[in-house]
Amino acid sequence: WQGLSSVLNGLKSIMEANNPVMHDKFIEVAKKLVLRMIGEVGWEKKETDGHQTVLLRATIIGLLSTFCSTDEAVTVEARRRFELFLLDPTDMQGLPSDMRSTVFRIVLKNGGKKEYDAIKAYFFTSTDGAEQKLVLSSLGSIKCNQLKLDTLQWCISGEVKLQDFFYIIGSVSGSSLEGMDMTWTFFCAQLENIKGMIGKASPSLMQAAMSYSTMGFCTLERADEVEKFFKVNPLPTCDRKIAQILEGIRTNAKFFERLAGSDLVKDEFWDTL
């Protein structure tokens, strides 16, 4: 399932950017698969769990926020665990660390500013860097676009450690098509500020910001847009990463062309699944 998880996430990204109808049908199929598996392994650890079952449960729970955030049973369980977290953020039994990101994202996708503020507040009260990163990688899932934009602005506010700011960019970019567009627009508009913030630090920080800002791009038009932007705004220390990003976007665009020429464009194909 670890390999299948990567495939499901990859297909979702490519379909979402190119064919909303195909994407929605794919989501329904993936949702059925994931719900069936969470029904088998459950949310709770069991004394009888073997090593492979532990890994399987972690993988399946990790898929819930992507494919099952609208399922009533999933949202109820996520909300229940989130309420336990609010009562005591140190309670690792009610909401274990390895499922916090999933629960945060599900709650944010179905919630509003109250939930957003509660999760963001945890960033400031927690002294654990790993827990803080869970917040940074989750906040962009909020469904309100203004809060998504506020989240992006936060990453260059100085309140987030330099080595962690790009987690916020990835959080917003990967949250939705709107988030993806918003993130690229933000990156383009704030490039000089980001360059100034990074200064003489490792080029890998800018490369991470670039990668996350273009995450989900998989059309030839997007590739041309990114290429044109970096020709006008060159980043010599990132030339190799830019080339890799462009290659990846164009490869995914060609892959979708193959999908578009297959039975996946036919309603009857999805009706049989």
Protein backbone atom coordinates (compact mmCIF):
# COMPACT_ATOMS: atom_id res chain seq x y z
CA TRP A 1 0.00 0.00 0.00
CA GLN A 2 2.92 2.38 0.36
CA GLY A 3 3.54 2.10 -3.37
CA LEU A 4 -0.16 2.32 -4.15
CA SER A 5 -0.39 5.44 -1.98
CA SER A 6 2.17 7.19 -4.17
CA VAL A 7 0.32 6.12 -7.31
CA LEU A 8 -3.05 7.33 -6.00
CA ASN A 9 -1.64 10.72 -5.00
CA GLY A 10 0.18 11.09 -8.30
CA LEU A 11 -2.87 10.26 -10.40
CA LYS A 12 -5.02 12.62 -8.35
CA SER A 13 -2.64 15.50 -8.98
CA ILE A 14 -2.44 14.91 -12.73
CA MET A 15 -6.18 14.41 -13.21
CA GLU A 16 -7.17 17.36 -11.04
CA ALA A 17 -5.10 19.78 -13.12
CA ASN A 18 -6.27 18.43 -16.48
CA ASN A 19 -9.72 16.87 -16.32
CA PRO A 20 -12.04 17.67 -13.37
CA VAL A 21 -14.62 15.08 -14.44
CA MET A 22 -12.07 12.27 -14.61
CA HIS A 23 -10.61 13.51 -11.32
CA ASP A 24 -13.96 13.35 -9.51
CA LYS A 25 -14.64 9.83 -10.76
CA PHE A 26 -11.16 8.75 -9.71
CA ILE A 27 -11.63 10.25 -6.24
CA GLU A 28 -14.78 8.18 -5.73
CA VAL A 29 -12.94 4.98 -6.64
CA ALA A 30 -9.95 5.81 -4.44
CA LYS A 31 -12.29 6.76 -1.60
CA LYS A 32 -13.94 3.33 -1.71
CA LEU A 33 -10.55 1.61 -1.57
CA VAL A 34 -9.30 3.67 1.35
CA LEU A 35 -12.55 3.39 3.32
CA ARG A 36 -12.56 -0.37 2.89
CA MET A 37 -9.01 -0.55 4.23
CA ILE A 38 -9.60 1.77 7.20
CA GLY A 39 -12.56 -0.47 8.01
CA GLU A 40 -10.17 -3.42 8.15
CA VAL A 41 -7.23 -1.92 10.04
CA GLY A 42 -9.07 0.74 12.07
CA TRP A 43 -7.69 3.90 13.65
CA GLU A 44 -6.50 2.28 16.88
CA LYS A 45 -3.42 0.17 17.41
CA LYS A 46 -4.07 -3.40 18.52
CA GLU A 47 -1.97 -5.73 20.64
CA THR A 48 -2.12 -8.28 17.84
CA ASP A 49 -0.65 -5.89 15.27
CA GLY A 50 2.40 -7.09 13.42
CA HIS A 51 4.97 -4.75 11.95
CA GLN A 52 3.34 -4.78 8.52
CA THR A 53 -0.08 -3.97 9.97
CA VAL A 54 1.35 -0.98 11.83
CA LEU A 55 2.86 0.32 8.60
CA LEU A 56 -0.36 -0.36 6.67
CA ARG A 57 -2.50 1.52 9.18
CA ALA A 58 -0.18 4.55 9.04
CA THR A 59 -0.36 4.57 5.24
CA ILE A 60 -4.15 4.27 5.13
CA ILE A 61 -4.70 6.95 7.75
CA GLY A 62 -2.35 9.18 5.76
CA LEU A 63 -4.66 8.83 2.75
CA LEU A 64 -7.84 9.77 4.60
CA SER A 65 -7.36 13.54 4.40
CA THR A 66 -6.79 13.37 0.65
CA PHE A 67 -9.56 11.00 -0.39
CA CYS A 68 -12.04 10.71 2.46
CA SER A 69 -12.30 14.13 4.09
CA THR A 70 -16.02 14.35 3.14
CA ASP A 71 -16.96 10.94 4.54
CA GLU A 72 -19.18 11.35 7.59
CA ALA A 73 -17.65 8.55 9.67
CA VAL A 74 -14.14 9.80 8.95
CA THR A 75 -14.95 13.41 9.78
CA VAL A 76 -16.71 12.42 13.00
CA GLU A 77 -13.72 10.40 14.16
CA ALA A 78 -11.28 13.14 13.17
CA ARG A 79 -13.37 15.71 15.06
CA ARG A 80 -13.54 13.47 18.13
CA ARG A 81 -9.79 13.11 18.23
CA PHE A 82 -9.31 16.82 17.56
CA GLU A 83 -11.49 17.68 20.55
CA LEU A 84 -9.31 15.41 22.72
CA PHE A 85 -6.27 17.23 21.36
CA LEU A 86 -7.76 20.60 22.29
CA LEU A 87 -8.36 19.39 25.84
CA ASP A 88 -4.76 18.20 26.15
CA PRO A 89 -2.29 18.59 23.25
CA THR A 90 0.17 16.33 25.10
CA ASP A 91 -2.33 13.44 24.96
CA MET A 92 -0.63 11.16 22.47
CA GLN A 93 -3.18 8.41 22.97
CA GLY A 94 -6.23 10.43 21.98
CA LEU A 95 -4.40 11.92 19.01
CA PRO A 96 -1.08 10.21 18.35
CA SER A 97 1.60 12.29 16.69
CA ASP A 98 1.64 10.11 13.57
CA MET A 99 -1.99 10.89 12.76
CA ARG A 100 -2.08 14.55 13.79
CA SER A 101 -1.39 15.85 10.31
CA THR A 102 -4.26 13.80 8.87
CA VAL A 103 -6.69 14.88 11.60
CA PHE A 104 -5.64 18.52 11.35
CA ARG A 105 -6.20 18.52 7.59
CA ILE A 106 -9.61 16.85 7.78
CA VAL A 107 -10.75 19.28 10.48
CA LEU A 108 -9.45 22.27 8.50
CA LYS A 109 -11.11 21.12 5.28
CA ASN A 110 -14.44 20.95 7.09
CA GLY A 111 -13.93 23.81 9.51
CA GLY A 112 -13.22 27.53 9.62
CA LYS A 113 -11.27 30.20 11.46
CA LYS A 114 -11.91 28.71 14.90
CA GLU A 115 -10.20 25.46 13.98
CA TYR A 116 -7.51 27.30 12.03
CA ASP A 117 -6.64 29.54 14.98
CA ALA A 118 -6.57 26.61 17.40
CA ILE A 119 -4.12 24.64 15.26
CA LYS A 120 -1.96 27.68 14.55
CA ALA A 121 -1.85 28.50 18.27
CA TYR A 122 -0.36 25.05 18.90
CA PHE A 123 2.63 26.07 16.79
CA PHE A 124 3.48 28.75 19.35
CA THR A 125 2.80 26.68 22.46
CA SER A 126 4.62 23.55 21.36
CA THR A 127 8.35 23.30 21.98
CA ASP A 128 8.72 20.21 19.80
CA GLY A 129 10.05 21.04 16.33
CA ALA A 130 8.41 17.96 14.81
CA GLU A 131 5.01 18.96 16.21
CA GLN A 132 5.46 22.48 14.87
CA LYS A 133 6.16 21.09 11.42
CA LEU A 134 2.87 19.17 11.59
CA VAL A 135 1.12 22.51 11.98
CA LEU A 136 3.06 24.12 9.13
CA SER A 137 2.31 21.24 6.77
CA SER A 138 -1.40 21.21 7.63
CA LEU A 139 -2.64 24.81 7.87
CA GLY A 140 -2.96 25.29 4.11
CA SER A 141 -5.78 22.73 4.08
CA ILE A 142 -8.20 25.32 5.43
CA LYS A 143 -11.00 25.73 2.90
CA CYS A 144 -11.17 29.55 3.19
CA ASN A 145 -9.01 31.10 0.45
CA GLN A 146 -8.32 34.23 2.49
CA LEU A 147 -6.91 32.09 5.29
CA LYS A 148 -4.82 30.23 2.73
CA LEU A 149 -3.38 33.57 1.64
CA ASP A 150 -2.84 34.59 5.26
CA THR A 151 -0.96 31.33 5.75
CA LEU A 152 1.35 32.08 2.83
CA GLN A 153 2.01 35.56 4.18
CA TRP A 154 2.87 34.00 7.54
CA CYS A 155 5.69 31.96 6.04
CA ILE A 156 7.68 35.15 5.29
CA SER A 157 6.66 37.01 8.47
CA GLY A 158 9.73 36.01 10.44
CA GLU A 159 7.70 33.97 12.94
CA VAL A 160 8.60 30.70 11.23
CA LYS A 161 12.13 29.33 11.24
CA LEU A 162 13.92 29.84 7.95
CA GLN A 163 14.55 26.12 7.55
CA ASP A 164 10.83 25.42 7.91
CA PHE A 165 9.07 28.16 5.92
CA PHE A 166 8.66 26.06 2.78
CA TYR A 167 6.45 23.55 4.60
CA ILE A 168 3.75 26.22 4.60
CA ILE A 169 4.16 26.76 0.86
CA GLY A 170 3.68 23.04 0.25
CA SER A 171 0.69 22.96 2.56
CA VAL A 172 -1.21 25.59 0.59
CA SER A 173 -0.06 24.45 -2.84
CA GLY A 174 -1.16 20.87 -2.26
CA SER A 175 -4.52 21.77 -0.75
CA SER A 176 -6.54 22.44 -3.91
CA LEU A 177 -6.37 23.87 -7.43
CA GLU A 178 -7.07 27.29 -5.96
CA GLY A 179 -4.30 26.78 -3.45
CA MET A 180 -1.91 25.71 -6.19
CA ASP A 181 -2.62 28.82 -8.27
CA MET A 182 -2.49 31.06 -5.21
CA THR A 183 0.88 29.66 -4.15
CA TRP A 184 2.52 30.18 -7.54
CA THR A 185 1.16 33.72 -7.72
CA PHE A 186 2.47 34.37 -4.20
CA PHE A 187 5.90 32.95 -5.00
CA CYS A 188 6.22 35.08 -8.14
CA ALA A 189 5.11 38.24 -6.33
CA GLN A 190 7.28 37.61 -3.27
CA LEU A 191 10.41 36.24 -4.94
CA GLU A 192 12.57 39.20 -3.99
CA ASN A 193 11.38 39.05 -0.39
CA ILE A 194 12.05 35.32 -0.28
CA LYS A 195 15.52 35.85 -1.74
CA GLY A 196 16.23 38.49 0.87
CA MET A 197 14.96 36.25 3.65
CA ILE A 198 17.11 33.32 2.57
CA GLY A 199 20.14 35.49 1.95
CA LYS A 200 23.33 33.44 1.97
CA ALA A 201 21.72 30.38 3.49
CA SER A 202 21.70 27.07 1.63
CA PRO A 203 20.30 27.21 -1.94
CA SER A 204 18.29 24.11 -0.98
CA LEU A 205 15.83 26.40 0.82
CA MET A 206 15.00 28.30 -2.36
CA GLN A 207 14.89 25.03 -4.28
CA ALA A 208 12.36 23.62 -1.80
CA ALA A 209 10.24 26.77 -2.09
CA MET A 210 10.35 26.51 -5.89
CA SER A 211 9.42 22.84 -5.87
CA TYR A 212 6.47 23.32 -3.56
CA SER A 213 5.30 26.42 -5.44
CA THR A 214 5.06 24.43 -8.68
CA MET A 215 3.80 21.23 -7.08
CA GLY A 216 0.83 19.90 -9.01
CA PHE A 217 1.71 21.64 -12.27
CA CYS A 218 1.34 19.10 -15.07
CA THR A 219 0.42 20.91 -18.28
CA LEU A 220 2.67 22.13 -21.06
CA GLU A 221 1.25 25.61 -20.61
CA ARG A 222 2.32 25.63 -16.98
CA ALA A 223 5.80 24.44 -17.93
CA ASP A 224 6.14 27.29 -20.42
CA GLU A 225 4.91 29.76 -17.80
CA VAL A 226 7.44 28.58 -15.21
CA GLU A 227 10.26 28.55 -17.74
CA LYS A 228 9.46 32.09 -18.86
CA PHE A 229 9.33 33.35 -15.28
CA PHE A 230 12.77 32.03 -14.38
CA LYS A 231 14.25 33.40 -17.59
CA VAL A 232 13.06 36.84 -16.55
CA ASN A 233 13.97 36.20 -12.91
CA PRO A 234 17.09 34.00 -13.06
CA LEU A 235 18.33 32.07 -10.04
CA PRO A 236 21.77 30.78 -11.11
CA THR A 237 22.26 28.62 -8.01
CA CYS A 238 18.99 26.84 -8.78
CA ASP A 239 19.40 26.25 -12.53
CA ARG A 240 19.58 22.48 -12.13
CA LYS A 241 16.48 22.36 -9.91
CA ILE A 242 14.56 24.57 -12.37
CA ALA A 243 15.46 22.17 -15.18
CA GLN A 244 14.28 19.22 -13.07
CA ILE A 245 11.00 20.98 -12.27
CA LEU A 246 10.35 21.74 -15.94
CA GLU A 247 11.18 18.18 -16.94
CA GLY A 248 8.82 16.83 -14.30
CA ILE A 249 5.94 19.08 -15.37
CA ARG A 250 6.35 18.15 -19.05
CA THR A 251 6.67 14.45 -18.25
CA ASN A 252 3.41 14.56 -16.29
CA ALA A 253 1.73 16.47 -19.11
CA LYS A 254 2.72 13.75 -21.58
CA PHE A 255 1.53 11.09 -19.17
CA PHE A 256 -1.89 12.71 -19.03
CA GLU A 257 -2.05 12.68 -22.81
CA ARG A 258 -1.80 8.90 -22.54
CA LEU A 259 -4.55 8.83 -19.92
CA ALA A 260 -6.74 11.01 -22.16
CA GLY A 261 -6.34 8.47 -24.95
CA SER A 262 -7.39 5.56 -22.76
CA ASP A 263 -10.68 4.19 -21.46
CA LEU A 264 -10.40 6.50 -18.44
CA VAL A 265 -12.26 9.18 -20.41
CA LYS A 266 -15.27 6.88 -20.80
CA ASP A 267 -18.04 6.90 -18.20
CA GLU A 268 -18.62 3.19 -18.64
CA PHE A 269 -15.05 2.47 -17.49
CA TRP A 270 -15.67 4.11 -14.11
CA ASP A 271 -19.15 2.61 -13.82
CA THR A 272 -17.63 -0.88 -13.75
CA LEU A 273 -15.37 -0.13 -10.76
